Amino acid sequence: AGAARMAMADTANGTATRSLAAVESSSRAAMVDLRRQLDLLHGR
């Protein structure tokens, strides 16, 4: 998503860029939550 967003940054398709940015942001947030849950499962 990050690569696609940067590739489309020069285009006029702002909606697609925002969507890709949202995908990138959501995936990062999901990774943060995932690591947090894994720490809980490990007892940390």
PDB file of all heavy atoms in Angstrom:
ATOM      1  N   ALA A   1       0.832  -1.204   0.000  1.00  0.00           N
ATOM      2  CA  ALA A   1       0.000   0.000   0.000  1.00  0.00           C
ATOM      3  C   ALA A   1       0.863   1.248   0.000  1.00  0.00           C
ATOM      4  O   ALA A   1       0.583   2.235  -0.701  1.00  0.00           O
ATOM      5  CB  ALA A   1      -0.929  -0.009   1.212  1.00  0.00           C
ATOM      6  N   GLY A   2       1.947   1.229   0.798  1.00  0.00           N
ATOM      7  CA  GLY A   2       2.837   2.377   0.816  1.00  0.00           C
ATOM      8  C   GLY A   2       3.512   2.605  -0.523  1.00  0.00           C
ATOM      9  O   GLY A   2       3.642   3.747  -0.993  1.00  0.00           O
ATOM     10  N   ALA A   3       3.944   1.507  -1.169  1.00  0.00           N
ATOM     11  CA  ALA A   3       4.577   1.641  -2.478  1.00  0.00           C
ATOM     12  C   ALA A   3       3.597   2.181  -3.504  1.00  0.00           C
ATOM     13  O   ALA A   3       3.935   3.064  -4.319  1.00  0.00           O
ATOM     14  CB  ALA A   3       5.129   0.289  -2.917  1.00  0.00           C
ATOM     15  N   ALA A   4       2.348   1.672  -3.491  1.00  0.00           N
ATOM     16  CA  ALA A   4       1.340   2.139  -4.437  1.00  0.00           C
ATOM     17  C   ALA A   4       0.996   3.604  -4.196  1.00  0.00           C
ATOM     18  O   ALA A   4       0.801   4.376  -5.137  1.00  0.00           O
ATOM     19  CB  ALA A   4       0.090   1.272  -4.339  1.00  0.00           C
ATOM     20  N   ARG A   5       0.939   3.994  -2.926  1.00  0.00           N
ATOM     21  CA  ARG A   5       0.607   5.391  -2.625  1.00  0.00           C
ATOM     22  C   ARG A   5       1.682   6.329  -3.170  1.00  0.00           C
ATOM     23  O   ARG A   5       1.383   7.374  -3.749  1.00  0.00           O
ATOM     24  CB  ARG A   5       0.472   5.572  -1.110  1.00  0.00           C
ATOM     25  CG  ARG A   5       0.238   7.013  -0.667  1.00  0.00           C
ATOM     26  CD  ARG A   5       0.052   7.103   0.836  1.00  0.00           C
ATOM     27  NE  ARG A   5       1.187   6.515   1.533  1.00  0.00           N
ATOM     28  CZ  ARG A   5       2.354   7.143   1.719  1.00  0.00           C
ATOM     29  NH1 ARG A   5       2.557   8.353   1.222  1.00  0.00           N
ATOM     30  NH2 ARG A   5       3.316   6.550   2.391  1.00  0.00           N
ATOM     31  N   MET A   6       2.940   5.958  -2.968  1.00  0.00           N
ATOM     32  CA  MET A   6       4.011   6.818  -3.470  1.00  0.00           C
ATOM     33  C   MET A   6       4.035   6.845  -4.997  1.00  0.00           C
ATOM     34  O   MET A   6       4.321   7.871  -5.600  1.00  0.00           O
ATOM     35  CB  MET A   6       5.356   6.317  -2.931  1.00  0.00           C
ATOM     36  CG  MET A   6       5.535   6.589  -1.441  1.00  0.00           C
ATOM     37  SD  MET A   6       7.182   6.161  -0.827  1.00  0.00           S
ATOM     38  CE  MET A   6       7.111   4.372  -0.945  1.00  0.00           C
ATOM     39  N   ALA A   7       3.693   5.693  -5.637  1.00  0.00           N
ATOM     40  CA  ALA A   7       3.679   5.649  -7.097  1.00  0.00           C
ATOM     41  C   ALA A   7       2.562   6.513  -7.672  1.00  0.00           C
ATOM     42  O   ALA A   7       2.678   7.063  -8.773  1.00  0.00           O
ATOM     43  CB  ALA A   7       3.530   4.208  -7.576  1.00  0.00           C
ATOM     44  N   MET A   8       1.454   6.622  -6.913  1.00  0.00           N
ATOM     45  CA  MET A   8       0.305   7.397  -7.403  1.00  0.00           C
ATOM     46  C   MET A   8       0.309   8.828  -6.883  1.00  0.00           C
ATOM     47  O   MET A   8      -0.633   9.570  -7.102  1.00  0.00           O
ATOM     48  CB  MET A   8      -0.998   6.706  -6.981  1.00  0.00           C
ATOM     49  CG  MET A   8      -1.153   5.302  -7.574  1.00  0.00           C
ATOM     50  SD  MET A   8      -2.719   4.554  -7.074  1.00  0.00           S
ATOM     51  CE  MET A   8      -3.880   5.680  -7.833  1.00  0.00           C
ATOM     52  N   ALA A   9       1.370   9.222  -6.177  1.00  0.00           N
ATOM     53  CA  ALA A   9       1.362  10.552  -5.570  1.00  0.00           C
ATOM     54  C   ALA A   9       1.309  11.663  -6.616  1.00  0.00           C
ATOM     55  O   ALA A   9       0.781  12.748  -6.357  1.00  0.00           O
ATOM     56  CB  ALA A   9       2.600  10.723  -4.682  1.00  0.00           C
ATOM     57  N   ASP A  10       1.891  11.404  -7.817  1.00  0.00           N
ATOM     58  CA  ASP A  10       1.946  12.442  -8.841  1.00  0.00           C
ATOM     59  C   ASP A  10       0.706  12.473  -9.726  1.00  0.00           C
ATOM     60  O   ASP A  10       0.586  13.326 -10.591  1.00  0.00           O
ATOM     61  CB  ASP A  10       3.179  12.247  -9.724  1.00  0.00           C
ATOM     62  CG  ASP A  10       4.469  12.394  -8.933  1.00  0.00           C
ATOM     63  OD1 ASP A  10       4.437  13.139  -7.919  1.00  0.00           O
ATOM     64  OD2 ASP A  10       5.473  11.748  -9.296  1.00  0.00           O
ATOM     65  N   THR A  11      -0.183  11.520  -9.524  1.00  0.00           N
ATOM     66  CA  THR A  11      -1.402  11.480 -10.339  1.00  0.00           C
ATOM     67  C   THR A  11      -2.470  12.342  -9.695  1.00  0.00           C
ATOM     68  O   THR A  11      -2.341  12.806  -8.564  1.00  0.00           O
ATOM     69  CB  THR A  11      -1.900  10.031 -10.496  1.00  0.00           C
ATOM     70  OG1 THR A  11      -2.368   9.582  -9.228  1.00  0.00           O
ATOM     71  CG2 THR A  11      -0.778   9.122 -10.975  1.00  0.00           C
ATOM     72  N   ALA A  12      -3.522  12.519 -10.448  1.00  0.00           N
ATOM     73  CA  ALA A  12      -4.623  13.352  -9.946  1.00  0.00           C
ATOM     74  C   ALA A  12      -5.670  12.543  -9.215  1.00  0.00           C
ATOM     75  O   ALA A  12      -6.700  13.074  -8.821  1.00  0.00           O
ATOM     76  CB  ALA A  12      -5.277  14.097 -11.119  1.00  0.00           C
ATOM     77  N   ASN A  13      -5.447  11.254  -9.074  1.00  0.00           N
ATOM     78  CA  ASN A  13      -6.444  10.401  -8.436  1.00  0.00           C
ATOM     79  C   ASN A  13      -6.287  10.479  -6.921  1.00  0.00           C
ATOM     80  O   ASN A  13      -5.688   9.611  -6.286  1.00  0.00           O
ATOM     81  CB  ASN A  13      -6.270   8.945  -8.915  1.00  0.00           C
ATOM     82  CG  ASN A  13      -7.477   8.091  -8.575  1.00  0.00           C
ATOM     83  OD1 ASN A  13      -8.284   8.464  -7.720  1.00  0.00           O
ATOM     84  ND2 ASN A  13      -7.589   6.954  -9.236  1.00  0.00           N
ATOM     85  N   GLY A  14      -6.791  11.537  -6.342  1.00  0.00           N
ATOM     86  CA  GLY A  14      -6.659  11.744  -4.901  1.00  0.00           C
ATOM     87  C   GLY A  14      -7.418  10.728  -4.083  1.00  0.00           C
ATOM     88  O   GLY A  14      -6.986  10.345  -2.991  1.00  0.00           O
ATOM     89  N   THR A  15      -8.567  10.266  -4.587  1.00  0.00           N
ATOM     90  CA  THR A  15      -9.357   9.279  -3.834  1.00  0.00           C
ATOM     91  C   THR A  15      -8.589   7.987  -3.661  1.00  0.00           C
ATOM     92  O   THR A  15      -8.545   7.408  -2.569  1.00  0.00           O
ATOM     93  CB  THR A  15     -10.685   9.004  -4.553  1.00  0.00           C
ATOM     94  OG1 THR A  15     -11.404  10.231  -4.692  1.00  0.00           O
ATOM     95  CG2 THR A  15     -11.519   8.009  -3.768  1.00  0.00           C
ATOM     96  N   ALA A  16      -7.956   7.523  -4.746  1.00  0.00           N
ATOM     97  CA  ALA A  16      -7.173   6.282  -4.651  1.00  0.00           C
ATOM     98  C   ALA A  16      -6.001   6.463  -3.710  1.00  0.00           C
ATOM     99  O   ALA A  16      -5.661   5.568  -2.927  1.00  0.00           O
ATOM    100  CB  ALA A  16      -6.690   5.864  -6.036  1.00  0.00           C
ATOM    101  N   THR A  17      -5.372   7.630  -3.757  1.00  0.00           N
ATOM    102  CA  THR A  17      -4.239   7.883  -2.858  1.00  0.00           C
ATOM    103  C   THR A  17      -4.670   7.856  -1.402  1.00  0.00           C
ATOM    104  O   THR A  17      -4.006   7.271  -0.538  1.00  0.00           O
ATOM    105  CB  THR A  17      -3.605   9.237  -3.195  1.00  0.00           C
ATOM    106  OG1 THR A  17      -3.178   9.240  -4.566  1.00  0.00           O
ATOM    107  CG2 THR A  17      -2.406   9.516  -2.296  1.00  0.00           C
ATOM    108  N   ARG A  18      -5.824   8.492  -1.111  1.00  0.00           N
ATOM    109  CA  ARG A  18      -6.326   8.491   0.268  1.00  0.00           C
ATOM    110  C   ARG A  18      -6.679   7.083   0.721  1.00  0.00           C
ATOM    111  O   ARG A  18      -6.418   6.694   1.867  1.00  0.00           O
ATOM    112  CB  ARG A  18      -7.551   9.407   0.381  1.00  0.00           C
ATOM    113  CG  ARG A  18      -7.223  10.890   0.343  1.00  0.00           C
ATOM    114  CD  ARG A  18      -8.416  11.712   0.800  1.00  0.00           C
ATOM    115  NE  ARG A  18      -9.607  11.460  -0.003  1.00  0.00           N
ATOM    116  CZ  ARG A  18      -9.908  12.127  -1.128  1.00  0.00           C
ATOM    117  NH1 ARG A  18      -9.079  13.071  -1.573  1.00  0.00           N
ATOM    118  NH2 ARG A  18     -11.004  11.860  -1.797  1.00  0.00           N
ATOM    119  N   SER A  19      -7.271   6.300  -0.190  1.00  0.00           N
ATOM    120  CA  SER A  19      -7.639   4.927   0.170  1.00  0.00           C
ATOM    121  C   SER A  19      -6.404   4.092   0.487  1.00  0.00           C
ATOM    122  O   SER A  19      -6.364   3.334   1.462  1.00  0.00           O
ATOM    123  CB  SER A  19      -8.444   4.284  -0.964  1.00  0.00           C
ATOM    124  OG  SER A  19      -9.650   4.966  -1.156  1.00  0.00           O
ATOM    125  N   LEU A  20      -5.365   4.255  -0.359  1.00  0.00           N
ATOM    126  CA  LEU A  20      -4.143   3.509  -0.111  1.00  0.00           C
ATOM    127  C   LEU A  20      -3.473   3.957   1.184  1.00  0.00           C
ATOM    128  O   LEU A  20      -2.896   3.154   1.927  1.00  0.00           O
ATOM    129  CB  LEU A  20      -3.181   3.668  -1.283  1.00  0.00           C
ATOM    130  CG  LEU A  20      -3.588   2.935  -2.580  1.00  0.00           C
ATOM    131  CD1 LEU A  20      -2.660   3.313  -3.712  1.00  0.00           C
ATOM    132  CD2 LEU A  20      -3.572   1.420  -2.361  1.00  0.00           C
ATOM    133  N   ALA A  21      -3.548   5.250   1.459  1.00  0.00           N
ATOM    134  CA  ALA A  21      -2.997   5.750   2.716  1.00  0.00           C
ATOM    135  C   ALA A  21      -3.740   5.164   3.914  1.00  0.00           C
ATOM    136  O   ALA A  21      -3.138   4.825   4.939  1.00  0.00           O
ATOM    137  CB  ALA A  21      -3.054   7.281   2.748  1.00  0.00           C
ATOM    138  N   ALA A  22      -5.055   5.043   3.743  1.00  0.00           N
ATOM    139  CA  ALA A  22      -5.851   4.441   4.819  1.00  0.00           C
ATOM    140  C   ALA A  22      -5.489   2.975   5.020  1.00  0.00           C
ATOM    141  O   ALA A  22      -5.389   2.488   6.148  1.00  0.00           O
ATOM    142  CB  ALA A  22      -7.345   4.582   4.509  1.00  0.00           C
ATOM    143  N   VAL A  23      -5.269   2.247   3.900  1.00  0.00           N
ATOM    144  CA  VAL A  23      -4.868   0.840   4.002  1.00  0.00           C
ATOM    145  C   VAL A  23      -3.527   0.729   4.714  1.00  0.00           C
ATOM    146  O   VAL A  23      -3.322  -0.109   5.599  1.00  0.00           O
ATOM    147  CB  VAL A  23      -4.812   0.194   2.600  1.00  0.00           C
ATOM    148  CG1 VAL A  23      -4.194  -1.207   2.688  1.00  0.00           C
ATOM    149  CG2 VAL A  23      -6.201   0.117   1.988  1.00  0.00           C
ATOM    150  N   GLU A  24      -2.595   1.598   4.320  1.00  0.00           N
ATOM    151  CA  GLU A  24      -1.276   1.577   4.939  1.00  0.00           C
ATOM    152  C   GLU A  24      -1.368   1.878   6.438  1.00  0.00           C
ATOM    153  O   GLU A  24      -0.758   1.197   7.273  1.00  0.00           O
ATOM    154  CB  GLU A  24      -0.375   2.599   4.255  1.00  0.00           C
ATOM    155  CG  GLU A  24       1.046   2.637   4.796  1.00  0.00           C
ATOM    156  CD  GLU A  24       1.880   3.719   4.118  1.00  0.00           C
ATOM    157  OE1 GLU A  24       1.321   4.505   3.327  1.00  0.00           O
ATOM    158  OE2 GLU A  24       3.089   3.770   4.409  1.00  0.00           O
ATOM    159  N   SER A  25      -2.137   2.890   6.794  1.00  0.00           N
ATOM    160  CA  SER A  25      -2.274   3.267   8.197  1.00  0.00           C
ATOM    161  C   SER A  25      -2.955   2.181   9.005  1.00  0.00           C
ATOM    162  O   SER A  25      -2.539   1.851  10.124  1.00  0.00           O
ATOM    163  CB  SER A  25      -3.062   4.576   8.298  1.00  0.00           C
ATOM    164  OG  SER A  25      -3.264   4.938   9.639  1.00  0.00           O
ATOM    165  N   SER A  26      -4.008   1.591   8.417  1.00  0.00           N
ATOM    166  CA  SER A  26      -4.725   0.531   9.126  1.00  0.00           C
ATOM    167  C   SER A  26      -3.856  -0.696   9.327  1.00  0.00           C
ATOM    168  O   SER A  26      -3.917  -1.352  10.369  1.00  0.00           O
ATOM    169  CB  SER A  26      -5.996   0.163   8.359  1.00  0.00           C
ATOM    170  OG  SER A  26      -6.889   1.261   8.299  1.00  0.00           O
ATOM    171  N   SER A  27      -3.043  -1.032   8.331  1.00  0.00           N
ATOM    172  CA  SER A  27      -2.176  -2.203   8.477  1.00  0.00           C
ATOM    173  C   SER A  27      -1.141  -1.974   9.575  1.00  0.00           C
ATOM    174  O   SER A  27      -0.822  -2.889  10.338  1.00  0.00           O
ATOM    175  CB  SER A  27      -1.492  -2.527   7.152  1.00  0.00           C
ATOM    176  OG  SER A  27      -0.613  -1.478   6.758  1.00  0.00           O
ATOM    177  N   ARG A  28      -0.632  -0.743   9.652  1.00  0.00           N
ATOM    178  CA  ARG A  28       0.320  -0.446  10.727  1.00  0.00           C
ATOM    179  C   ARG A  28      -0.357  -0.525  12.095  1.00  0.00           C
ATOM    180  O   ARG A  28       0.221  -1.059  13.052  1.00  0.00           O
ATOM    181  CB  ARG A  28       0.916   0.940  10.509  1.00  0.00           C
ATOM    182  CG  ARG A  28       1.877   1.024   9.315  1.00  0.00           C
ATOM    183  CD  ARG A  28       2.344   2.444   9.095  1.00  0.00           C
ATOM    184  NE  ARG A  28       3.277   2.522   7.964  1.00  0.00           N
ATOM    185  CZ  ARG A  28       3.727   3.660   7.458  1.00  0.00           C
ATOM    186  NH1 ARG A  28       3.321   4.820   7.975  1.00  0.00           N
ATOM    187  NH2 ARG A  28       4.563   3.650   6.433  1.00  0.00           N
ATOM    188  N   ALA A  29      -1.574   0.000  12.186  1.00  0.00           N
ATOM    189  CA  ALA A  29      -2.309  -0.075  13.457  1.00  0.00           C
ATOM    190  C   ALA A  29      -2.605  -1.525  13.819  1.00  0.00           C
ATOM    191  O   ALA A  29      -2.541  -1.919  14.994  1.00  0.00           O
ATOM    192  CB  ALA A  29      -3.610   0.724  13.357  1.00  0.00           C
ATOM    193  N   ALA A  30      -2.940  -2.326  12.785  1.00  0.00           N
ATOM    194  CA  ALA A  30      -3.200  -3.747  13.042  1.00  0.00           C
ATOM    195  C   ALA A  30      -1.959  -4.441  13.568  1.00  0.00           C
ATOM    196  O   ALA A  30      -2.026  -5.287  14.464  1.00  0.00           O
ATOM    197  CB  ALA A  30      -3.693  -4.427  11.771  1.00  0.00           C
ATOM    198  N   MET A  31      -0.784  -4.086  13.028  1.00  0.00           N
ATOM    199  CA  MET A  31       0.461  -4.688  13.503  1.00  0.00           C
ATOM    200  C   MET A  31       0.745  -4.291  14.951  1.00  0.00           C
ATOM    201  O   MET A  31       1.218  -5.105  15.758  1.00  0.00           O
ATOM    202  CB  MET A  31       1.622  -4.269  12.602  1.00  0.00           C
ATOM    203  CG  MET A  31       1.643  -4.963  11.252  1.00  0.00           C
ATOM    204  SD  MET A  31       1.747  -6.767  11.420  1.00  0.00           S
ATOM    205  CE  MET A  31       3.297  -6.930  12.290  1.00  0.00           C
ATOM    206  N   VAL A  32       0.455  -3.050  15.311  1.00  0.00           N
ATOM    207  CA  VAL A  32       0.664  -2.615  16.694  1.00  0.00           C
ATOM    208  C   VAL A  32      -0.240  -3.405  17.638  1.00  0.00           C
ATOM    209  O   VAL A  32       0.194  -3.922  18.685  1.00  0.00           O
ATOM    210  CB  VAL A  32       0.402  -1.103  16.828  1.00  0.00           C
ATOM    211  CG1 VAL A  32       0.415  -0.692  18.306  1.00  0.00           C
ATOM    212  CG2 VAL A  32       1.450  -0.313  16.056  1.00  0.00           C
ATOM    213  N   ASP A  33      -1.533  -3.528  17.271  1.00  0.00           N
ATOM    214  CA  ASP A  33      -2.458  -4.297  18.103  1.00  0.00           C
ATOM    215  C   ASP A  33      -2.061  -5.759  18.155  1.00  0.00           C
ATOM    216  O   ASP A  33      -2.174  -6.418  19.200  1.00  0.00           O
ATOM    217  CB  ASP A  33      -3.884  -4.169  17.562  1.00  0.00           C
ATOM    218  CG  ASP A  33      -4.522  -2.841  17.956  1.00  0.00           C
ATOM    219  OD1 ASP A  33      -3.970  -2.185  18.854  1.00  0.00           O
ATOM    220  OD2 ASP A  33      -5.550  -2.474  17.354  1.00  0.00           O
ATOM    221  N   LEU A  34      -1.603  -6.291  17.028  1.00  0.00           N
ATOM    222  CA  LEU A  34      -1.201  -7.696  16.983  1.00  0.00           C
ATOM    223  C   LEU A  34      -0.024  -7.945  17.924  1.00  0.00           C
ATOM    224  O   LEU A  34      -0.017  -8.914  18.692  1.00  0.00           O
ATOM    225  CB  LEU A  34      -0.836  -8.098  15.548  1.00  0.00           C
ATOM    226  CG  LEU A  34      -0.328  -9.532  15.365  1.00  0.00           C
ATOM    227  CD1 LEU A  34      -1.369 -10.535  15.806  1.00  0.00           C
ATOM    228  CD2 LEU A  34       0.063  -9.755  13.907  1.00  0.00           C
ATOM    229  N   ARG A  35       0.979  -7.075  17.868  1.00  0.00           N
ATOM    230  CA  ARG A  35       2.131  -7.252  18.760  1.00  0.00           C
ATOM    231  C   ARG A  35       1.708  -7.139  20.222  1.00  0.00           C
ATOM    232  O   ARG A  35       2.214  -7.852  21.086  1.00  0.00           O
ATOM    233  CB  ARG A  35       3.198  -6.202  18.433  1.00  0.00           C
ATOM    234  CG  ARG A  35       3.878  -6.398  17.081  1.00  0.00           C
ATOM    235  CD  ARG A  35       5.115  -5.528  16.951  1.00  0.00           C
ATOM    236  NE  ARG A  35       5.725  -5.666  15.633  1.00  0.00           N
ATOM    237  CZ  ARG A  35       5.538  -4.827  14.628  1.00  0.00           C
ATOM    238  NH1 ARG A  35       4.738  -3.780  14.799  1.00  0.00           N
ATOM    239  NH2 ARG A  35       6.119  -5.028  13.471  1.00  0.00           N
ATOM    240  N   ARG A  36       0.792  -6.226  20.499  1.00  0.00           N
ATOM    241  CA  ARG A  36       0.315  -6.064  21.871  1.00  0.00           C
ATOM    242  C   ARG A  36      -0.390  -7.335  22.351  1.00  0.00           C
ATOM    243  O   ARG A  36      -0.165  -7.807  23.475  1.00  0.00           O
ATOM    244  CB  ARG A  36      -0.635  -4.862  21.960  1.00  0.00           C
ATOM    245  CG  ARG A  36      -1.077  -4.552  23.390  1.00  0.00           C
ATOM    246  CD  ARG A  36      -2.035  -3.387  23.405  1.00  0.00           C
ATOM    247  NE  ARG A  36      -1.379  -2.139  23.031  1.00  0.00           N
ATOM    248  CZ  ARG A  36      -1.700  -1.417  21.971  1.00  0.00           C
ATOM    249  NH1 ARG A  36      -2.668  -1.818  21.158  1.00  0.00           N
ATOM    250  NH2 ARG A  36      -1.069  -0.289  21.700  1.00  0.00           N
ATOM    251  N   GLN A  37      -1.239  -7.911  21.510  1.00  0.00           N
ATOM    252  CA  GLN A  37      -1.934  -9.141  21.885  1.00  0.00           C
ATOM    253  C   GLN A  37      -0.961 -10.310  22.020  1.00  0.00           C
ATOM    254  O   GLN A  37      -1.118 -11.163  22.905  1.00  0.00           O
ATOM    255  CB  GLN A  37      -3.020  -9.471  20.850  1.00  0.00           C
ATOM    256  CG  GLN A  37      -4.118  -8.423  20.731  1.00  0.00           C
ATOM    257  CD  GLN A  37      -4.800  -8.172  22.053  1.00  0.00           C
ATOM    258  OE1 GLN A  37      -5.038  -9.088  22.831  1.00  0.00           O
ATOM    259  NE2 GLN A  37      -5.129  -6.904  22.317  1.00  0.00           N
ATOM    260  N   LEU A  38       0.046 -10.353  21.166  1.00  0.00           N
ATOM    261  CA  LEU A  38       1.050 -11.411  21.276  1.00  0.00           C
ATOM    262  C   LEU A  38       1.821 -11.285  22.589  1.00  0.00           C
ATOM    263  O   LEU A  38       2.136 -12.294  23.232  1.00  0.00           O
ATOM    264  CB  LEU A  38       2.019 -11.343  20.090  1.00  0.00           C
ATOM    265  CG  LEU A  38       1.438 -11.738  18.716  1.00  0.00           C
ATOM    266  CD1 LEU A  38       2.478 -11.514  17.630  1.00  0.00           C
ATOM    267  CD2 LEU A  38       0.979 -13.180  18.719  1.00  0.00           C
ATOM    268  N   ASP A  39       2.113 -10.059  22.993  1.00  0.00           N
ATOM    269  CA  ASP A  39       2.787  -9.865  24.274  1.00  0.00           C
ATOM    270  C   ASP A  39       1.925 -10.364  25.429  1.00  0.00           C
ATOM    271  O   ASP A  39       2.425 -10.974  26.381  1.00  0.00           O
ATOM    272  CB  ASP A  39       3.119  -8.382  24.477  1.00  0.00           C
ATOM    273  CG  ASP A  39       4.290  -7.929  23.603  1.00  0.00           C
ATOM    274  OD1 ASP A  39       5.032  -8.812  23.130  1.00  0.00           O
ATOM    275  OD2 ASP A  39       4.439  -6.715  23.386  1.00  0.00           O
ATOM    276  N   LEU A  40       0.625 -10.116  25.346  1.00  0.00           N
ATOM    277  CA  LEU A  40      -0.278 -10.598  26.398  1.00  0.00           C
ATOM    278  C   LEU A  40      -0.317 -12.114  26.425  1.00  0.00           C
ATOM    279  O   LEU A  40      -0.321 -12.737  27.493  1.00  0.00           O
ATOM    280  CB  LEU A  40      -1.684 -10.023  26.195  1.00  0.00           C
ATOM    281  CG  LEU A  40      -1.838  -8.519  26.431  1.00  0.00           C
ATOM    282  CD1 LEU A  40      -3.250  -8.079  26.097  1.00  0.00           C
ATOM    283  CD2 LEU A  40      -1.501  -8.173  27.874  1.00  0.00           C
ATOM    284  N   LEU A  41      -0.358 -12.736  25.243  1.00  0.00           N
ATOM    285  CA  LEU A  41      -0.368 -14.202  25.195  1.00  0.00           C
ATOM    286  C   LEU A  41       0.918 -14.782  25.756  1.00  0.00           C
ATOM    287  O   LEU A  41       0.931 -15.856  26.359  1.00  0.00           O
ATOM    288  CB  LEU A  41      -0.582 -14.677  23.750  1.00  0.00           C
ATOM    289  CG  LEU A  41      -1.999 -14.574  23.201  1.00  0.00           C
ATOM    290  CD1 LEU A  41      -2.022 -14.911  21.725  1.00  0.00           C
ATOM    291  CD2 LEU A  41      -2.938 -15.486  23.962  1.00  0.00           C
ATOM    292  N   HIS A  42       2.021 -14.052  25.560  1.00  0.00           N
ATOM    293  CA  HIS A  42       3.306 -14.515  26.088  1.00  0.00           C
ATOM    294  C   HIS A  42       3.463 -14.179  27.568  1.00  0.00           C
ATOM    295  O   HIS A  42       4.483 -14.516  28.165  1.00  0.00           O
ATOM    296  CB  HIS A  42       4.461 -13.872  25.310  1.00  0.00           C
ATOM    297  CG  HIS A  42       4.730 -14.536  23.988  1.00  0.00           C
ATOM    298  ND1 HIS A  42       5.075 -15.862  23.886  1.00  0.00           N
ATOM    299  CD2 HIS A  42       4.694 -14.063  22.717  1.00  0.00           C
ATOM    300  CE1 HIS A  42       5.253 -16.178  22.608  1.00  0.00           C
ATOM    301  NE2 HIS A  42       5.021 -15.101  21.882  1.00  0.00           N
ATOM    302  N   GLY A  43       2.458 -13.510  28.152  1.00  0.00           N
ATOM    303  CA  GLY A  43       2.550 -13.165  29.564  1.00  0.00           C
ATOM    304  C   GLY A  43       3.320 -11.904  29.835  1.00  0.00           C
ATOM    305  O   GLY A  43       3.707 -11.646  30.977  1.00  0.00           O
ATOM    306  N   ARG A  44       3.566 -11.091  28.818  1.00  0.00           N
ATOM    307  CA  ARG A  44       4.289  -9.827  28.995  1.00  0.00           C
ATOM    308  C   ARG A  44       3.301  -8.672  28.879  1.00  0.00           C
ATOM    309  O   ARG A  44       2.507  -8.604  27.956  1.00  0.00           O
ATOM    310  CB  ARG A  44       5.384  -9.668  27.935  1.00  0.00           C
ATOM    311  CG  ARG A  44       6.448 -10.756  27.979  1.00  0.00           C
ATOM    312  CD  ARG A  44       7.629 -10.368  27.107  1.00  0.00           C
ATOM    313  NE  ARG A  44       7.255 -10.201  25.709  1.00  0.00           N
ATOM    314  CZ  ARG A  44       7.321 -11.171  24.811  1.00  0.00           C
ATOM    315  NH1 ARG A  44       7.735 -12.378  25.167  1.00  0.00           N
ATOM    316  NH2 ARG A  44       6.978 -10.953  23.551  1.00  0.00           N
TER     317      ARG A  44
END
